[in-house]
Amino acid sequence: MPKSTLRFLVITYLFVAAVLGASLGYAGAAGALGRSMSGPFLALFIFAVCFALALLWAWLGAILYVFYDSRARGMDVTLWVLVVAFVPYLIGFVIYFVTRKPLLQSCRACGKDAPREAVHCPHCGAPLKRTCPSCKATAEPEFGFCAACGANLNP
């Protein structure tokens, strides 16, 4: 787990603890001032605070997920984080999942990222996939046999 994610979880935990402590303190202060904040009202108040915090945590978690995932897929990180952050009801999160690109693969020759569907590296031109000698279909470099015709790729 990246340090920034761990830091996010710790800060979230501390924030939740502070808000719950403040809500219980508010309920106690309201009782001391003569306002009744006990029984079902106190339980409802604490439930509402916890529910709001859970929604906030889900929203921030979605933003963090999109940040790391879009960076790994070579997409515009700023655009997608803003879409997820400001389109309401997590609809931006759903839009991200529908339109996201496939994961990138690393070139074995130069080490730079290339799209999964690329046959040759766009940076150095090295082959990223092999071609079957029998049917000319593309195959992953680690395959021993062609997935299309079953021919042996390692003569």
N, C-alpha and C. Protein backbone atom coordinates (compact mmCIF):
# COMPACT_ATOMS: atom_id res chain seq x y z
N MET A 1 0.85 -1.17 0.00
CA MET A 1 0.00 0.00 0.00
C MET A 1 0.90 1.24 0.00
N PRO A 2 0.62 2.19 -0.92
CA PRO A 2 1.43 3.41 -0.94
C PRO A 2 1.31 4.20 0.36
N LYS A 3 2.36 4.95 0.68
CA LYS A 3 2.36 5.73 1.91
C LYS A 3 1.25 6.77 1.91
N SER A 4 0.95 7.35 0.74
CA SER A 4 -0.10 8.36 0.68
C SER A 4 -1.47 7.76 1.00
N THR A 5 -1.72 6.52 0.57
CA THR A 5 -2.99 5.86 0.89
C THR A 5 -3.08 5.58 2.37
N LEU A 6 -1.99 5.11 2.96
CA LEU A 6 -1.98 4.85 4.39
C LEU A 6 -2.18 6.14 5.17
N ARG A 7 -1.54 7.22 4.72
CA ARG A 7 -1.71 8.52 5.36
C ARG A 7 -3.18 8.97 5.26
N PHE A 8 -3.80 8.74 4.09
CA PHE A 8 -5.20 9.09 3.89
C PHE A 8 -6.10 8.33 4.87
N LEU A 9 -5.84 7.05 5.06
CA LEU A 9 -6.66 6.25 5.97
C LEU A 9 -6.49 6.70 7.42
N VAL A 10 -5.27 7.03 7.80
CA VAL A 10 -5.04 7.50 9.17
C VAL A 10 -5.73 8.84 9.40
N ILE A 11 -5.62 9.75 8.45
CA ILE A 11 -6.27 11.06 8.59
C ILE A 11 -7.78 10.89 8.63
N THR A 12 -8.31 9.99 7.80
CA THR A 12 -9.75 9.74 7.82
C THR A 12 -10.19 9.20 9.17
N TYR A 13 -9.43 8.26 9.71
CA TYR A 13 -9.76 7.69 11.02
C TYR A 13 -9.76 8.77 12.10
N LEU A 14 -8.74 9.61 12.08
CA LEU A 14 -8.66 10.68 13.07
C LEU A 14 -9.81 11.68 12.90
N PHE A 15 -10.18 11.96 11.66
CA PHE A 15 -11.28 12.87 11.40
C PHE A 15 -12.60 12.29 11.91
N VAL A 16 -12.83 11.01 11.65
CA VAL A 16 -14.05 10.34 12.13
C VAL A 16 -14.09 10.37 13.66
N ALA A 17 -12.97 10.06 14.29
CA ALA A 17 -12.94 10.08 15.75
C ALA A 17 -13.20 11.48 16.29
N ALA A 18 -12.65 12.50 15.64
CA ALA A 18 -12.87 13.87 16.09
C ALA A 18 -14.33 14.29 15.93
N VAL A 19 -14.93 13.93 14.80
CA VAL A 19 -16.33 14.32 14.57
C VAL A 19 -17.25 13.58 15.53
N LEU A 20 -17.00 12.30 15.76
CA LEU A 20 -17.83 11.57 16.72
C LEU A 20 -17.66 12.14 18.13
N GLY A 21 -16.44 12.46 18.50
CA GLY A 21 -16.22 13.08 19.81
C GLY A 21 -16.90 14.42 19.92
N ALA A 22 -16.84 15.20 18.84
CA ALA A 22 -17.49 16.52 18.85
C ALA A 22 -19.01 16.37 18.91
N SER A 23 -19.54 15.36 18.20
CA SER A 23 -21.01 15.18 18.23
C SER A 23 -21.47 14.74 19.61
N LEU A 24 -20.71 13.87 20.25
CA LEU A 24 -21.08 13.47 21.60
C LEU A 24 -20.90 14.63 22.57
N GLY A 25 -19.86 15.44 22.36
CA GLY A 25 -19.66 16.63 23.19
C GLY A 25 -20.78 17.63 22.99
N TYR A 26 -21.24 17.78 21.74
CA TYR A 26 -22.36 18.68 21.46
C TYR A 26 -23.63 18.19 22.15
N ALA A 27 -23.84 16.88 22.09
CA ALA A 27 -25.02 16.31 22.73
C ALA A 27 -24.96 16.52 24.25
N GLY A 28 -23.76 16.37 24.83
CA GLY A 28 -23.61 16.59 26.26
C GLY A 28 -23.80 18.05 26.63
N ALA A 29 -23.26 18.96 25.80
CA ALA A 29 -23.42 20.39 26.07
C ALA A 29 -24.87 20.81 25.92
N ALA A 30 -25.57 20.23 24.94
CA ALA A 30 -26.99 20.56 24.78
C ALA A 30 -27.79 20.10 25.99
N GLY A 31 -27.42 18.95 26.54
CA GLY A 31 -28.10 18.47 27.74
C GLY A 31 -27.81 19.35 28.94
N ALA A 32 -26.59 19.88 29.03
CA ALA A 32 -26.23 20.75 30.14
C ALA A 32 -26.94 22.09 30.06
N LEU A 33 -27.30 22.51 28.86
CA LEU A 33 -28.00 23.78 28.68
C LEU A 33 -29.52 23.64 28.82
N GLY A 34 -29.95 22.45 29.12
CA GLY A 34 -31.38 22.24 29.34
C GLY A 34 -32.10 21.70 28.11
N ARG A 35 -31.40 21.55 27.00
CA ARG A 35 -32.03 20.98 25.80
C ARG A 35 -31.88 19.46 25.88
N SER A 36 -32.93 18.78 25.59
CA SER A 36 -32.90 17.32 25.69
C SER A 36 -32.28 16.72 24.42
N MET A 37 -31.16 16.07 24.57
CA MET A 37 -30.50 15.40 23.46
C MET A 37 -30.11 14.01 23.94
N SER A 38 -31.10 13.23 24.32
CA SER A 38 -30.81 11.91 24.83
C SER A 38 -31.76 10.91 24.19
N GLY A 39 -31.51 9.66 24.45
CA GLY A 39 -32.37 8.60 23.95
C GLY A 39 -32.33 8.51 22.44
N PRO A 40 -33.51 8.43 21.81
CA PRO A 40 -33.56 8.23 20.36
C PRO A 40 -32.99 9.42 19.57
N PHE A 41 -33.10 10.64 20.10
CA PHE A 41 -32.56 11.80 19.39
C PHE A 41 -31.04 11.74 19.32
N LEU A 42 -30.42 11.32 20.41
CA LEU A 42 -28.96 11.18 20.43
C LEU A 42 -28.53 10.09 19.45
N ALA A 43 -29.23 8.97 19.46
CA ALA A 43 -28.90 7.88 18.54
C ALA A 43 -29.07 8.30 17.09
N LEU A 44 -30.14 9.03 16.80
CA LEU A 44 -30.38 9.51 15.44
C LEU A 44 -29.30 10.52 15.03
N PHE A 45 -28.91 11.38 15.93
CA PHE A 45 -27.88 12.37 15.65
C PHE A 45 -26.55 11.68 15.34
N ILE A 46 -26.17 10.72 16.17
CA ILE A 46 -24.92 10.00 15.94
C ILE A 46 -24.98 9.20 14.65
N PHE A 47 -26.13 8.58 14.35
CA PHE A 47 -26.29 7.84 13.10
C PHE A 47 -26.14 8.78 11.90
N ALA A 48 -26.74 9.96 11.97
CA ALA A 48 -26.65 10.91 10.86
C ALA A 48 -25.21 11.36 10.64
N VAL A 49 -24.49 11.60 11.72
CA VAL A 49 -23.08 12.01 11.60
C VAL A 49 -22.26 10.87 10.99
N CYS A 50 -22.47 9.64 11.45
CA CYS A 50 -21.73 8.49 10.92
C CYS A 50 -22.06 8.25 9.45
N PHE A 51 -23.33 8.41 9.08
CA PHE A 51 -23.74 8.22 7.70
C PHE A 51 -23.10 9.27 6.79
N ALA A 52 -23.08 10.51 7.25
CA ALA A 52 -22.44 11.58 6.47
C ALA A 52 -20.94 11.32 6.32
N LEU A 53 -20.31 10.83 7.37
CA LEU A 53 -18.89 10.50 7.29
C LEU A 53 -18.63 9.32 6.35
N ALA A 54 -19.52 8.34 6.35
CA ALA A 54 -19.37 7.20 5.44
C ALA A 54 -19.49 7.66 3.99
N LEU A 55 -20.42 8.56 3.71
CA LEU A 55 -20.54 9.09 2.35
C LEU A 55 -19.30 9.88 1.95
N LEU A 56 -18.79 10.68 2.87
CA LEU A 56 -17.58 11.44 2.60
C LEU A 56 -16.40 10.52 2.35
N TRP A 57 -16.29 9.47 3.15
CA TRP A 57 -15.20 8.51 2.99
C TRP A 57 -15.31 7.80 1.64
N ALA A 58 -16.53 7.40 1.22
CA ALA A 58 -16.72 6.74 -0.07
C ALA A 58 -16.34 7.68 -1.22
N TRP A 59 -16.73 8.94 -1.09
CA TRP A 59 -16.43 9.93 -2.12
C TRP A 59 -14.91 10.15 -2.24
N LEU A 60 -14.24 10.32 -1.11
CA LEU A 60 -12.79 10.51 -1.12
C LEU A 60 -12.06 9.25 -1.60
N GLY A 61 -12.59 8.08 -1.22
CA GLY A 61 -11.99 6.83 -1.69
C GLY A 61 -12.12 6.67 -3.20
N ALA A 62 -13.26 7.07 -3.75
CA ALA A 62 -13.45 7.01 -5.20
C ALA A 62 -12.47 7.94 -5.91
N ILE A 63 -12.28 9.12 -5.36
CA ILE A 63 -11.33 10.07 -5.95
C ILE A 63 -9.91 9.51 -5.90
N LEU A 64 -9.54 8.93 -4.78
CA LEU A 64 -8.20 8.36 -4.65
C LEU A 64 -8.00 7.18 -5.61
N TYR A 65 -9.03 6.32 -5.73
CA TYR A 65 -8.94 5.18 -6.64
C TYR A 65 -8.75 5.65 -8.08
N VAL A 66 -9.54 6.64 -8.49
CA VAL A 66 -9.45 7.14 -9.86
C VAL A 66 -8.09 7.80 -10.09
N PHE A 67 -7.56 8.47 -9.10
CA PHE A 67 -6.24 9.08 -9.23
C PHE A 67 -5.19 8.03 -9.58
N TYR A 68 -5.10 6.96 -8.79
CA TYR A 68 -4.09 5.94 -9.03
C TYR A 68 -4.37 5.12 -10.28
N ASP A 69 -5.64 4.79 -10.52
CA ASP A 69 -5.98 3.94 -11.66
C ASP A 69 -5.79 4.67 -12.98
N SER A 70 -6.20 5.94 -13.04
CA SER A 70 -6.04 6.67 -14.30
C SER A 70 -4.57 6.92 -14.61
N ARG A 71 -3.76 7.10 -13.58
CA ARG A 71 -2.32 7.27 -13.78
C ARG A 71 -1.71 5.98 -14.33
N ALA A 72 -2.16 4.82 -13.82
CA ALA A 72 -1.63 3.54 -14.29
C ALA A 72 -2.07 3.22 -15.71
N ARG A 73 -3.18 3.81 -16.15
CA ARG A 73 -3.70 3.55 -17.49
C ARG A 73 -3.30 4.61 -18.51
N GLY A 74 -2.52 5.60 -18.09
CA GLY A 74 -2.05 6.62 -19.01
C GLY A 74 -3.13 7.61 -19.42
N MET A 75 -4.10 7.84 -18.55
CA MET A 75 -5.19 8.77 -18.85
C MET A 75 -4.91 10.12 -18.19
N ASP A 76 -5.72 11.12 -18.52
CA ASP A 76 -5.57 12.45 -17.94
C ASP A 76 -6.05 12.42 -16.49
N VAL A 77 -5.12 12.43 -15.56
CA VAL A 77 -5.44 12.28 -14.14
C VAL A 77 -6.28 13.44 -13.63
N THR A 78 -5.90 14.66 -13.96
CA THR A 78 -6.60 15.84 -13.46
C THR A 78 -8.06 15.85 -13.92
N LEU A 79 -8.28 15.57 -15.18
CA LEU A 79 -9.64 15.56 -15.73
C LEU A 79 -10.52 14.56 -14.99
N TRP A 80 -10.04 13.34 -14.83
CA TRP A 80 -10.88 12.30 -14.24
C TRP A 80 -11.09 12.50 -12.75
N VAL A 81 -10.11 13.03 -12.06
CA VAL A 81 -10.31 13.34 -10.64
C VAL A 81 -11.37 14.43 -10.48
N LEU A 82 -11.33 15.44 -11.34
CA LEU A 82 -12.34 16.50 -11.28
C LEU A 82 -13.73 15.98 -11.64
N VAL A 83 -13.82 15.09 -12.63
CA VAL A 83 -15.12 14.51 -13.00
C VAL A 83 -15.70 13.73 -11.83
N VAL A 84 -14.89 12.89 -11.21
CA VAL A 84 -15.38 12.09 -10.09
C VAL A 84 -15.71 12.97 -8.89
N ALA A 85 -14.94 14.03 -8.69
CA ALA A 85 -15.16 14.89 -7.53
C ALA A 85 -16.41 15.74 -7.66
N PHE A 86 -16.73 16.20 -8.87
CA PHE A 86 -17.80 17.18 -8.99
C PHE A 86 -19.08 16.70 -9.67
N VAL A 87 -19.09 15.54 -10.29
CA VAL A 87 -20.35 15.00 -10.83
C VAL A 87 -21.04 14.28 -9.67
N PRO A 88 -22.28 14.67 -9.36
CA PRO A 88 -22.91 14.17 -8.13
C PRO A 88 -23.30 12.69 -8.19
N TYR A 89 -23.52 12.15 -6.99
CA TYR A 89 -24.03 10.79 -6.76
C TYR A 89 -23.12 9.71 -7.35
N LEU A 90 -21.84 9.96 -7.40
CA LEU A 90 -20.84 9.03 -7.91
C LEU A 90 -21.09 8.62 -9.36
N ILE A 91 -21.86 9.43 -10.10
CA ILE A 91 -22.09 9.16 -11.52
C ILE A 91 -20.79 9.32 -12.29
N GLY A 92 -19.95 10.27 -11.89
CA GLY A 92 -18.65 10.44 -12.52
C GLY A 92 -17.78 9.21 -12.36
N PHE A 93 -17.91 8.52 -11.23
CA PHE A 93 -17.18 7.28 -10.99
C PHE A 93 -17.62 6.20 -11.98
N VAL A 94 -18.93 6.11 -12.23
CA VAL A 94 -19.46 5.14 -13.20
C VAL A 94 -19.00 5.50 -14.61
N ILE A 95 -19.04 6.80 -14.94
CA ILE A 95 -18.58 7.25 -16.26
C ILE A 95 -17.11 6.89 -16.46
N TYR A 96 -16.31 7.04 -15.41
CA TYR A 96 -14.89 6.68 -15.50
C TYR A 96 -14.73 5.20 -15.83
N PHE A 97 -15.49 4.33 -15.16
CA PHE A 97 -15.37 2.90 -15.41
C PHE A 97 -15.82 2.52 -16.81
N VAL A 98 -16.79 3.22 -17.36
CA VAL A 98 -17.27 2.90 -18.70
C VAL A 98 -16.26 3.33 -19.77
N THR A 99 -15.57 4.45 -19.53
CA THR A 99 -14.70 5.01 -20.58
C THR A 99 -13.21 4.80 -20.35
N ARG A 100 -12.80 4.11 -19.31
CA ARG A 100 -11.36 4.01 -19.04
C ARG A 100 -10.65 3.13 -20.06
N LYS A 101 -9.38 3.43 -20.26
CA LYS A 101 -8.53 2.70 -21.20
C LYS A 101 -8.02 1.42 -20.53
N PRO A 102 -7.59 0.45 -21.34
CA PRO A 102 -6.98 -0.74 -20.74
C PRO A 102 -5.62 -0.40 -20.12
N LEU A 103 -5.16 -1.26 -19.24
CA LEU A 103 -3.87 -1.05 -18.58
C LEU A 103 -2.74 -1.05 -19.60
N LEU A 104 -1.69 -0.33 -19.29
CA LEU A 104 -0.53 -0.27 -20.15
C LEU A 104 0.39 -1.44 -19.89
N GLN A 105 1.20 -1.78 -20.89
CA GLN A 105 2.22 -2.81 -20.71
C GLN A 105 3.58 -2.17 -20.84
N SER A 106 4.55 -2.78 -20.25
CA SER A 106 5.90 -2.24 -20.28
C SER A 106 6.69 -2.90 -21.41
N CYS A 107 7.42 -2.08 -22.15
CA CYS A 107 8.27 -2.60 -23.22
C CYS A 107 9.49 -3.28 -22.60
N ARG A 108 9.83 -4.45 -23.09
CA ARG A 108 10.98 -5.18 -22.54
C ARG A 108 12.31 -4.60 -23.02
N ALA A 109 12.27 -3.86 -24.12
CA ALA A 109 13.52 -3.31 -24.66
C ALA A 109 13.89 -1.97 -24.01
N CYS A 110 12.91 -1.03 -23.96
CA CYS A 110 13.24 0.31 -23.45
C CYS A 110 12.63 0.59 -22.07
N GLY A 111 11.66 -0.21 -21.63
CA GLY A 111 11.07 -0.05 -20.31
C GLY A 111 9.95 0.98 -20.23
N LYS A 112 9.62 1.64 -21.34
CA LYS A 112 8.54 2.64 -21.32
C LYS A 112 7.18 1.96 -21.49
N ASP A 113 6.13 2.68 -21.13
CA ASP A 113 4.78 2.14 -21.22
C ASP A 113 4.24 2.22 -22.64
N ALA A 114 3.47 1.20 -23.01
CA ALA A 114 2.84 1.14 -24.32
C ALA A 114 1.42 0.60 -24.14
N PRO A 115 0.49 0.95 -25.04
CA PRO A 115 -0.87 0.42 -24.94
C PRO A 115 -0.88 -1.11 -25.08
N ARG A 116 -1.84 -1.76 -24.43
CA ARG A 116 -1.93 -3.22 -24.46
C ARG A 116 -2.14 -3.76 -25.87
N GLU A 117 -2.88 -3.03 -26.69
CA GLU A 117 -3.19 -3.54 -28.03
C GLU A 117 -2.06 -3.31 -29.03
N ALA A 118 -1.01 -2.59 -28.64
CA ALA A 118 0.11 -2.31 -29.54
C ALA A 118 0.90 -3.58 -29.81
N VAL A 119 1.30 -3.76 -31.06
CA VAL A 119 2.11 -4.90 -31.44
C VAL A 119 3.60 -4.56 -31.34
N HIS A 120 3.92 -3.27 -31.60
CA HIS A 120 5.29 -2.78 -31.48
C HIS A 120 5.30 -1.59 -30.53
N CYS A 121 6.42 -1.40 -29.85
CA CYS A 121 6.57 -0.28 -28.91
C CYS A 121 6.56 1.04 -29.67
N PRO A 122 5.73 2.01 -29.25
CA PRO A 122 5.71 3.29 -29.96
C PRO A 122 6.95 4.15 -29.69
N HIS A 123 7.78 3.76 -28.72
CA HIS A 123 8.97 4.55 -28.38
C HIS A 123 10.23 4.04 -29.08
N CYS A 124 10.40 2.71 -29.12
CA CYS A 124 11.64 2.17 -29.69
C CYS A 124 11.41 1.24 -30.87
N GLY A 125 10.17 0.83 -31.11
CA GLY A 125 9.86 -0.03 -32.24
C GLY A 125 10.06 -1.52 -31.99
N ALA A 126 10.44 -1.90 -30.79
CA ALA A 126 10.66 -3.31 -30.48
C ALA A 126 9.32 -4.06 -30.49
N PRO A 127 9.33 -5.32 -30.91
CA PRO A 127 8.06 -6.08 -30.92
C PRO A 127 7.58 -6.36 -29.49
N LEU A 128 6.30 -6.09 -29.25
CA LEU A 128 5.70 -6.37 -27.94
C LEU A 128 4.96 -7.70 -27.95
N LYS A 129 4.55 -8.13 -29.14
CA LYS A 129 3.84 -9.40 -29.28
C LYS A 129 4.50 -10.20 -30.39
N ARG A 130 4.30 -11.49 -30.34
CA ARG A 130 4.83 -12.37 -31.36
C ARG A 130 3.75 -12.70 -32.37
N THR A 131 4.14 -13.10 -33.55
CA THR A 131 3.17 -13.56 -34.55
C THR A 131 3.36 -15.04 -34.76
N CYS A 132 2.25 -15.71 -34.92
CA CYS A 132 2.27 -17.15 -35.15
C CYS A 132 2.78 -17.43 -36.56
N PRO A 133 3.73 -18.35 -36.72
CA PRO A 133 4.23 -18.65 -38.06
C PRO A 133 3.19 -19.34 -38.94
N SER A 134 2.21 -19.99 -38.33
CA SER A 134 1.21 -20.72 -39.11
C SER A 134 0.06 -19.82 -39.58
N CYS A 135 -0.59 -19.13 -38.61
CA CYS A 135 -1.81 -18.38 -38.96
C CYS A 135 -1.62 -16.87 -38.93
N LYS A 136 -0.43 -16.41 -38.55
CA LYS A 136 -0.09 -14.98 -38.48
C LYS A 136 -0.89 -14.20 -37.43
N ALA A 137 -1.48 -14.89 -36.45
CA ALA A 137 -2.19 -14.22 -35.35
C ALA A 137 -1.17 -13.70 -34.34
N THR A 138 -1.53 -12.65 -33.62
CA THR A 138 -0.62 -12.13 -32.60
C THR A 138 -0.77 -12.91 -31.31
N ALA A 139 0.34 -13.07 -30.61
CA ALA A 139 0.35 -13.80 -29.34
C ALA A 139 1.24 -13.07 -28.36
N GLU A 140 0.95 -13.22 -27.09
CA GLU A 140 1.77 -12.62 -26.04
C GLU A 140 3.16 -13.25 -26.07
N PRO A 141 4.20 -12.52 -25.67
CA PRO A 141 5.56 -13.06 -25.74
C PRO A 141 5.77 -14.31 -24.87
N GLU A 142 5.03 -14.42 -23.77
CA GLU A 142 5.25 -15.56 -22.88
C GLU A 142 4.46 -16.81 -23.29
N PHE A 143 3.61 -16.71 -24.32
CA PHE A 143 2.85 -17.87 -24.77
C PHE A 143 3.77 -18.87 -25.46
N GLY A 144 3.54 -20.14 -25.20
CA GLY A 144 4.31 -21.19 -25.86
C GLY A 144 3.60 -21.71 -27.08
N PHE A 145 2.28 -21.56 -27.12
CA PHE A 145 1.47 -22.04 -28.24
C PHE A 145 0.51 -20.95 -28.67
N CYS A 146 0.14 -20.96 -29.94
CA CYS A 146 -0.78 -19.98 -30.49
C CYS A 146 -2.18 -20.24 -29.96
N ALA A 147 -2.85 -19.19 -29.50
CA ALA A 147 -4.21 -19.33 -28.98
C ALA A 147 -5.22 -19.51 -30.10
N ALA A 148 -4.89 -19.13 -31.33
CA ALA A 148 -5.82 -19.24 -32.46
C ALA A 148 -5.77 -20.62 -33.11
N CYS A 149 -4.56 -21.13 -33.37
CA CYS A 149 -4.46 -22.41 -34.10
C CYS A 149 -3.76 -23.51 -33.33
N GLY A 150 -3.11 -23.19 -32.22
CA GLY A 150 -2.45 -24.21 -31.40
C GLY A 150 -1.05 -24.55 -31.84
N ALA A 151 -0.48 -23.81 -32.79
CA ALA A 151 0.87 -24.11 -33.28
C ALA A 151 1.90 -23.77 -32.21
N ASN A 152 3.02 -24.48 -32.23
CA ASN A 152 4.10 -24.25 -31.29
C ASN A 152 4.82 -22.96 -31.68
N LEU A 153 4.94 -22.01 -30.74
CA LEU A 153 5.59 -20.75 -31.01
C LEU A 153 7.08 -20.78 -30.69
N ASN A 154 7.52 -21.84 -30.01
CA ASN A 154 8.94 -21.99 -29.67
C ASN A 154 9.52 -23.16 -30.47
N PRO A 155 9.99 -22.89 -31.69
CA PRO A 155 10.49 -24.01 -32.53
C PRO A 155 11.77 -24.60 -32.01
